[in-house]
């Protein structure tokens, strides 16, 4: 099975170089302060640096989705933030923009402002209008697995795969073209399972190949996340770049097709080295 997709013109999947997606936030509440831009000048500088560093897409978030933070804002506020940021960037950077949102009203505002991909951390389960919106817009979509009330389990990959199958079913019912769908195992979004959350995330990364049966390219976002802090003993996200690069390289070796990161240039280097190792012939 060859797993391929095309997100707003960016080809992803088996046999293609692993792509990198830059992560920007216009939400002051975000867990990694270094990713936040609340002024137009800073936002544009950061986005331009990401594209210069090799980003194939730029993902813009306007509300923190970290499951351990209480950072909810109103839909109208999220829509206003997204619309402002994407409108500013859409004609100024030469890569597609993704909107990191799970609510249809902000997603609609983002698409109208120029976004071409929706990155939904609920995998279309958070808002009953989202799947139809994406389908009608002809947008690309990243479907992420998240706990959303699932029973406690010790089977990390099995649980993630089942959740993603549910999301793919919703996409299919809404008529979303499978060729514009990428899946994401939701690193950092499982906190109530039988394994400790950081062990769960490590198991998911180790078992990424088990998601190949879904038939979709795999996006992984682990940049500066808390499991890295737990494993490496680094509390401040600002100090987690080395661990993030190690996790990115491991994900590539396990078959990831798209890496979402706050640190594009550094991650590109880690990705290319990991790819070279993955493709090198084994000698005995």
Protein backbone atom coordinates (compact mmCIF):
# COMPACT_ATOMS: atom_id res chain seq x y z
CA UNK A 1 0.00 0.00 0.00
CA UNK A 2 1.36 3.43 -0.98
CA UNK A 3 0.10 6.11 1.36
CA UNK A 4 -0.05 9.43 -0.48
CA UNK A 5 -1.92 12.71 -0.06
CA UNK A 6 -1.73 16.27 -1.33
CA UNK A 7 -2.29 19.12 1.14
CA UNK A 8 -2.88 22.34 -0.81
CA UNK A 9 -0.43 21.26 -3.48
CA UNK A 10 2.14 19.76 -1.09
CA UNK A 11 2.63 16.10 -1.96
CA UNK A 12 3.16 13.84 1.06
CA UNK A 13 3.61 10.13 1.55
CA UNK A 14 5.61 7.05 0.80
CA UNK A 15 8.59 7.54 -1.48
CA UNK A 16 8.60 11.32 -1.00
CA UNK A 17 10.88 13.41 1.23
CA UNK A 18 9.50 13.98 4.70
CA UNK A 19 8.04 17.49 4.81
CA UNK A 20 8.16 19.96 7.69
CA UNK A 21 5.29 22.21 8.76
CA UNK A 22 6.02 25.30 10.84
CA UNK A 23 3.82 25.99 13.87
CA UNK A 24 2.89 29.57 14.70
CA UNK A 25 0.55 30.81 17.41
CA UNK A 26 -1.32 34.07 17.81
CA UNK A 27 -2.62 32.91 21.17
CA UNK A 28 -0.74 34.39 24.14
CA UNK A 29 -1.95 31.37 26.14
CA UNK A 30 0.14 28.86 24.14
CA UNK A 31 2.45 26.62 26.15
CA UNK A 32 5.59 27.59 24.19
CA UNK A 33 5.97 31.35 24.44
CA UNK A 34 8.63 31.37 21.73
CA UNK A 35 6.03 30.35 19.15
CA UNK A 36 3.70 33.26 19.90
CA UNK A 37 3.30 36.34 17.72
CA UNK A 38 0.80 38.99 18.72
CA UNK A 39 2.04 41.74 16.38
CA UNK A 40 1.92 41.68 12.61
CA UNK A 41 5.63 42.40 12.23
CA UNK A 42 6.66 39.50 14.47
CA UNK A 43 4.18 37.14 12.84
CA UNK A 44 5.47 37.92 9.37
CA UNK A 45 9.13 37.66 10.43
CA UNK A 46 8.53 34.28 12.02
CA UNK A 47 6.59 32.94 9.04
CA UNK A 48 9.23 34.16 6.59
CA UNK A 49 11.97 32.55 8.66
CA UNK A 50 10.06 29.26 8.57
CA UNK A 51 9.66 29.32 4.80
CA UNK A 52 13.32 30.25 4.38
CA UNK A 53 14.21 27.35 6.66
CA UNK A 54 12.34 24.88 4.44
CA UNK A 55 8.77 24.72 5.73
CA UNK A 56 6.37 23.23 3.18
CA UNK A 57 3.37 24.60 5.09
CA UNK A 58 2.77 27.00 7.96
CA UNK A 59 0.17 26.07 10.60
CA UNK A 60 -1.44 28.96 12.49
CA UNK A 61 -3.24 28.48 15.79
CA UNK A 62 -5.31 31.05 17.64
CA UNK A 63 -6.29 29.09 20.76
CA UNK A 64 -4.13 26.79 22.83
CA UNK A 65 -5.22 23.16 22.54
CA UNK A 66 -2.84 21.74 25.16
CA UNK A 67 -5.01 19.35 27.22
CA UNK A 68 -3.43 20.39 30.51
CA UNK A 69 -4.16 24.12 30.04
CA UNK A 70 -7.41 25.99 30.61
CA UNK A 71 -7.13 28.36 27.69
CA UNK A 72 -10.52 28.29 25.96
CA UNK A 73 -11.66 31.49 24.28
CA UNK A 74 -14.89 32.27 22.46
CA UNK A 75 -15.37 31.13 18.87
CA UNK A 76 -15.66 34.72 17.73
CA UNK A 77 -12.36 35.63 19.39
CA UNK A 78 -10.63 32.62 17.87
CA UNK A 79 -12.11 33.45 14.45
CA UNK A 80 -10.97 37.06 14.71
CA UNK A 81 -7.42 36.06 15.64
CA UNK A 82 -7.19 33.47 12.85
CA UNK A 83 -8.67 35.74 10.22
CA UNK A 84 -6.26 38.55 11.12
CA UNK A 85 -3.17 36.31 11.06
CA UNK A 86 -4.00 34.38 7.92
CA UNK A 87 -5.09 37.44 5.98
CA UNK A 88 -1.74 39.00 6.84
CA UNK A 89 0.29 35.97 5.75
CA UNK A 90 -1.67 34.59 2.79
CA UNK A 91 -0.28 37.02 0.21
CA UNK A 92 3.14 37.41 1.81
CA UNK A 93 4.51 33.89 2.14
CA UNK A 94 4.80 31.41 -0.69
CA UNK A 95 3.68 28.23 1.09
CA UNK A 96 0.14 27.10 1.95
CA UNK A 97 -1.33 28.06 5.33
CA UNK A 98 -3.07 25.62 7.63
CA UNK A 99 -5.54 26.69 10.34
CA UNK A 100 -5.16 24.86 13.63
CA UNK A 101 -8.75 24.79 14.88
CA UNK A 102 -11.46 22.30 15.78
CA UNK A 103 -14.41 24.72 15.51
CA UNK A 104 -16.28 25.43 12.30
CA UNK A 105 -16.77 29.18 12.72
CA UNK A 106 -13.04 29.92 13.16
CA UNK A 107 -12.26 27.41 10.40
CA UNK A 108 -14.64 29.19 8.04
CA UNK A 109 -13.06 32.55 8.85
CA UNK A 110 -9.60 31.08 8.27
CA UNK A 111 -10.55 29.55 4.92
CA UNK A 112 -12.12 32.82 3.80
CA UNK A 113 -8.91 34.62 4.78
CA UNK A 114 -6.77 32.29 2.66
CA UNK A 115 -6.07 29.10 4.63
CA UNK A 116 -6.10 25.96 2.49
CA UNK A 117 -5.80 23.27 5.15
CA UNK A 118 -7.64 22.65 8.43
CA UNK A 119 -5.68 20.96 11.22
CA UNK A 120 -8.35 19.58 13.57
CA UNK A 121 -7.10 18.18 16.89
CA UNK A 122 -10.47 16.48 17.46
CA UNK A 123 -10.44 14.66 14.13
CA UNK A 124 -13.79 16.17 13.04
CA UNK A 125 -15.51 15.05 16.25
CA UNK A 126 -15.47 18.38 18.08
CA UNK A 127 -17.94 20.26 15.87
CA UNK A 128 -20.65 18.52 13.80
CA UNK A 129 -20.38 21.21 11.11
CA UNK A 130 -16.65 20.87 10.52
CA UNK A 131 -16.60 17.88 8.17
CA UNK A 132 -19.15 19.41 5.79
CA UNK A 133 -17.31 22.75 5.86
CA UNK A 134 -14.02 21.12 4.88
CA UNK A 135 -15.73 19.08 2.18
CA UNK A 136 -17.51 22.06 0.62
CA UNK A 137 -14.35 24.18 0.73
CA UNK A 138 -12.27 21.47 -0.92
CA UNK A 139 -9.64 22.07 1.75
CA UNK A 140 -6.98 19.66 2.90
CA UNK A 141 -7.38 18.29 6.41
CA UNK A 142 -5.19 16.85 9.14
CA UNK A 143 -7.20 14.50 11.37
CA UNK A 144 -5.71 14.10 14.83
CA UNK A 145 -6.54 11.45 17.41
CA UNK A 146 -7.39 12.65 20.91
CA UNK A 147 -8.86 10.93 23.97
CA UNK A 148 -12.39 12.38 23.67
CA UNK A 149 -13.80 10.06 26.32
CA UNK A 150 -12.32 6.74 25.16
CA UNK A 151 -12.06 3.92 27.68
CA UNK A 152 -8.78 3.47 29.50
CA UNK A 153 -6.42 1.29 27.49
CA UNK A 154 -2.88 -0.05 27.56
CA UNK A 155 -2.80 -0.44 23.77
CA UNK A 156 -1.50 2.90 22.50
CA UNK A 157 -1.36 2.25 18.76
CA UNK A 158 -4.57 0.23 18.74
CA UNK A 159 -6.43 3.02 20.52
CA UNK A 160 -5.02 5.73 18.27
CA UNK A 161 -5.78 3.73 15.13
CA UNK A 162 -9.39 3.16 16.21
CA UNK A 163 -9.92 6.86 16.87
CA UNK A 164 -8.43 7.79 13.52
CA UNK A 165 -10.63 5.23 11.78
CA UNK A 166 -13.64 6.96 13.36
CA UNK A 167 -12.44 10.32 12.03
CA UNK A 168 -11.80 8.89 8.58
CA UNK A 169 -15.36 7.55 8.61
CA UNK A 170 -16.70 11.02 9.35
CA UNK A 171 -14.62 12.43 6.51
CA UNK A 172 -15.87 9.76 4.14
CA UNK A 173 -19.50 10.40 5.06
CA UNK A 174 -19.03 14.13 4.42
CA UNK A 175 -17.52 13.44 1.01
CA UNK A 176 -14.01 14.66 1.78
CA UNK A 177 -11.63 13.36 -0.88
CA UNK A 178 -9.26 10.83 0.77
CA UNK A 179 -6.38 12.25 -1.27
CA UNK A 180 -6.42 15.45 0.82
CA UNK A 181 -6.41 13.72 4.23
CA UNK A 182 -3.44 13.23 6.56
CA UNK A 183 -3.64 11.59 10.00
CA UNK A 184 -1.91 12.55 13.25
CA UNK A 185 -1.55 10.24 16.28
CA UNK A 186 -2.02 13.06 18.81
CA UNK A 187 1.23 13.15 20.74
CA UNK A 188 0.56 14.91 24.06
CA UNK A 189 -3.22 14.52 23.94
CA UNK A 190 -3.63 11.27 25.89
CA UNK A 191 -3.58 11.81 29.64
CA UNK A 192 -6.01 9.30 31.14
CA UNK A 193 -4.80 5.97 29.81
CA UNK A 194 -3.36 3.03 31.72
CA UNK A 195 0.22 3.95 30.82
CA UNK A 196 1.82 7.15 32.07
CA UNK A 197 1.22 9.88 29.49
CA UNK A 198 4.90 10.26 28.57
CA UNK A 199 5.31 6.49 28.20
CA UNK A 200 2.18 6.45 26.02
CA UNK A 201 3.66 9.07 23.70
CA UNK A 202 6.93 7.17 23.41
CA UNK A 203 5.03 3.97 22.59
CA UNK A 204 3.01 5.75 19.89
CA UNK A 205 6.16 7.15 18.27
CA UNK A 206 7.82 3.75 18.42
CA UNK A 207 4.78 2.10 16.84
CA UNK A 208 3.97 4.60 14.07
CA UNK A 209 4.29 1.88 11.44
CA UNK A 210 1.12 0.35 12.90
CA UNK A 211 -0.86 3.29 11.50
CA UNK A 212 0.07 2.45 7.91
CA UNK A 213 -3.02 0.30 7.59
CA UNK A 214 -5.13 3.47 7.64
CA UNK A 215 -3.84 4.24 4.15
CA UNK A 216 -3.04 7.90 4.88
CA UNK A 217 0.24 9.78 5.32
CA UNK A 218 1.21 10.43 8.93
CA UNK A 219 1.82 13.85 10.46
CA UNK A 220 3.51 13.99 13.87
CA UNK A 221 3.68 17.04 16.10
CA UNK A 222 5.87 16.65 19.19
CA UNK A 223 7.82 19.90 19.17
CA UNK A 224 8.77 20.94 22.74
CA UNK A 225 5.88 18.93 24.19
CA UNK A 226 5.63 17.86 27.80
CA UNK A 227 6.57 14.20 27.23
CA UNK A 228 10.00 15.45 26.15
CA UNK A 229 10.24 17.44 29.35
CA UNK A 230 9.21 14.40 31.42
CA UNK A 231 11.70 12.07 29.75
CA UNK A 232 14.60 14.54 29.69
CA UNK A 233 13.84 16.30 32.96
CA UNK A 234 13.36 19.72 31.36
CA UNK A 235 10.41 21.66 32.75
CA UNK A 236 10.64 24.76 30.56
CA UNK A 237 9.54 24.23 26.91
CA UNK A 238 12.22 26.74 25.89
CA UNK A 239 14.85 24.14 26.81
CA UNK A 240 13.35 21.20 24.92
CA UNK A 241 14.78 21.73 21.43
CA UNK A 242 17.36 18.89 21.63
CA UNK A 243 14.70 16.42 22.73
CA UNK A 244 12.34 17.67 20.03
CA UNK A 245 14.96 17.04 17.36
CA UNK A 246 15.60 13.54 18.69
CA UNK A 247 11.86 12.80 18.63
CA UNK A 248 11.54 14.19 15.10
CA UNK A 249 14.37 11.98 13.88
CA UNK A 250 12.82 8.95 15.59
CA UNK A 251 9.44 9.70 13.98
CA UNK A 252 11.04 9.86 10.53
CA UNK A 253 12.81 6.56 11.12
CA UNK A 254 9.44 5.05 12.07
CA UNK A 255 7.73 6.32 8.92
CA UNK A 256 6.35 9.83 9.54
CA UNK A 257 5.66 11.82 6.37
CA UNK A 258 5.13 15.30 7.87
CA UNK A 259 6.69 16.83 11.00
CA UNK A 260 5.00 19.79 12.69
CA UNK A 261 7.49 21.94 14.57
CA UNK A 262 8.17 25.33 16.12
CA UNK A 263 11.80 25.12 14.94
CA UNK A 264 11.82 24.60 11.20
CA UNK A 265 15.47 25.07 10.24
CA UNK A 266 16.82 22.84 13.00
CA UNK A 267 14.16 20.19 12.40
CA UNK A 268 14.85 20.12 8.66
CA UNK A 269 18.43 19.16 9.42
CA UNK A 270 17.37 16.38 11.80
CA UNK A 271 14.81 15.11 9.28
CA UNK A 272 17.27 14.94 6.40
CA UNK A 273 19.84 13.05 8.48
CA UNK A 274 17.20 10.61 9.69
CA UNK A 275 16.01 10.07 6.12
CA UNK A 276 19.55 9.36 4.96
CA UNK A 277 19.91 6.75 7.70
CA UNK A 278 16.51 5.24 6.92
CA UNK A 279 17.37 4.82 3.26
CA UNK A 280 20.94 3.63 3.73
CA UNK A 281 21.49 -0.05 2.79
CA UNK A 282 22.06 -2.49 5.62
CA UNK A 283 25.25 -4.56 5.41
CA UNK A 284 25.82 -7.80 7.25
